[in-house]
Amino acid sequence: METMLSAQEVADLLKVSLRKFEQMVKAGEAPPHIRLGRLRRWPVEEVSEWMDERLREGAGAPHVREEED
């Protein structure tokens, strides 16, 4: 059986607050989750794939501002 993560665990992995993560979920900007009754859980594999995709797209890369001469 695949390991499942809570919202707090995913937020910790993403290095964001739980509140920010909940905002991401609501906006559709978070990894896909499943419902087990009233609980939401995130499969580790889904979170890992989501993070890899974001890194490939450059969404997680810091934006470096070029200095003017």
Protein backbone atom coordinates (compact mmCIF):
# COMPACT_ATOMS: atom_id res chain seq x y z
CA MET A 1 0.00 0.00 0.00
CA GLU A 2 1.26 3.44 -0.92
CA THR A 3 2.24 5.87 1.82
CA MET A 4 -0.21 8.72 2.28
CA LEU A 5 0.59 12.19 3.63
CA SER A 6 -1.53 14.63 5.58
CA ALA A 7 -1.90 18.29 4.57
CA GLN A 8 0.61 19.28 7.25
CA GLU A 9 3.15 16.75 5.98
CA VAL A 10 2.81 17.98 2.39
CA ALA A 11 3.09 21.60 3.55
CA ASP A 12 6.28 20.68 5.43
CA LEU A 13 7.72 19.04 2.29
CA LEU A 14 6.91 22.14 0.25
CA LYS A 15 8.29 24.38 3.01
CA VAL A 16 5.11 26.43 3.24
CA SER A 17 2.73 27.02 6.11
CA LEU A 18 -0.37 24.87 6.45
CA ARG A 19 -2.47 27.96 5.77
CA LYS A 20 -0.60 28.67 2.52
CA PHE A 21 -0.93 25.03 1.49
CA GLU A 22 -4.69 25.11 2.12
CA GLN A 23 -4.88 28.21 -0.08
CA MET A 24 -2.96 26.33 -2.80
CA VAL A 25 -5.40 23.39 -2.55
CA LYS A 26 -8.40 25.71 -2.80
CA ALA A 27 -6.90 27.46 -5.86
CA GLY A 28 -6.09 24.14 -7.57
CA GLU A 29 -2.34 24.81 -7.28
CA ALA A 30 -1.47 21.80 -5.10
CA PRO A 31 -0.73 18.15 -5.83
CA PRO A 32 -3.80 15.96 -6.40
CA HIS A 33 -5.29 14.34 -3.31
CA ILE A 34 -7.79 11.63 -2.51
CA ARG A 35 -10.56 11.56 0.05
CA LEU A 36 -10.93 8.85 2.64
CA GLY A 37 -14.24 9.73 4.23
CA ARG A 38 -13.73 13.26 5.56
CA LEU A 39 -9.94 13.01 5.37
CA ARG A 40 -7.81 14.28 2.51
CA ARG A 41 -4.60 12.41 1.86
CA TRP A 42 -1.82 12.89 -0.65
CA PRO A 43 -0.06 9.82 -2.07
CA VAL A 44 3.72 10.28 -1.73
CA GLU A 45 4.19 9.30 -5.39
CA GLU A 46 1.74 12.00 -6.57
CA VAL A 47 3.42 14.67 -4.46
CA SER A 48 6.85 13.66 -5.71
CA GLU A 49 5.72 13.73 -9.36
CA TRP A 50 4.02 17.09 -8.85
CA MET A 51 7.18 18.55 -7.33
CA ASP A 52 9.31 17.17 -10.20
CA GLU A 53 6.96 18.71 -12.78
CA ARG A 54 7.09 22.09 -11.06
CA LEU A 55 10.87 22.01 -11.00
CA ARG A 56 11.04 21.07 -14.69
CA GLU A 57 8.69 23.96 -15.52
CA GLY A 58 10.82 26.33 -13.48
CA ALA A 59 7.93 27.24 -11.18
CA GLY A 60 9.99 26.57 -8.10
CA ALA A 61 13.11 28.38 -9.28
CA PRO A 62 13.86 31.73 -7.70
CA HIS A 63 13.49 34.68 -10.01
CA VAL A 64 16.78 36.53 -10.35
CA ARG A 65 16.52 40.17 -11.29
CA GLU A 66 19.17 41.43 -13.66
CA GLU A 67 21.00 44.51 -12.50
CA GLU A 68 21.16 47.51 -14.76
CA ASP A 69 24.53 49.12 -15.53
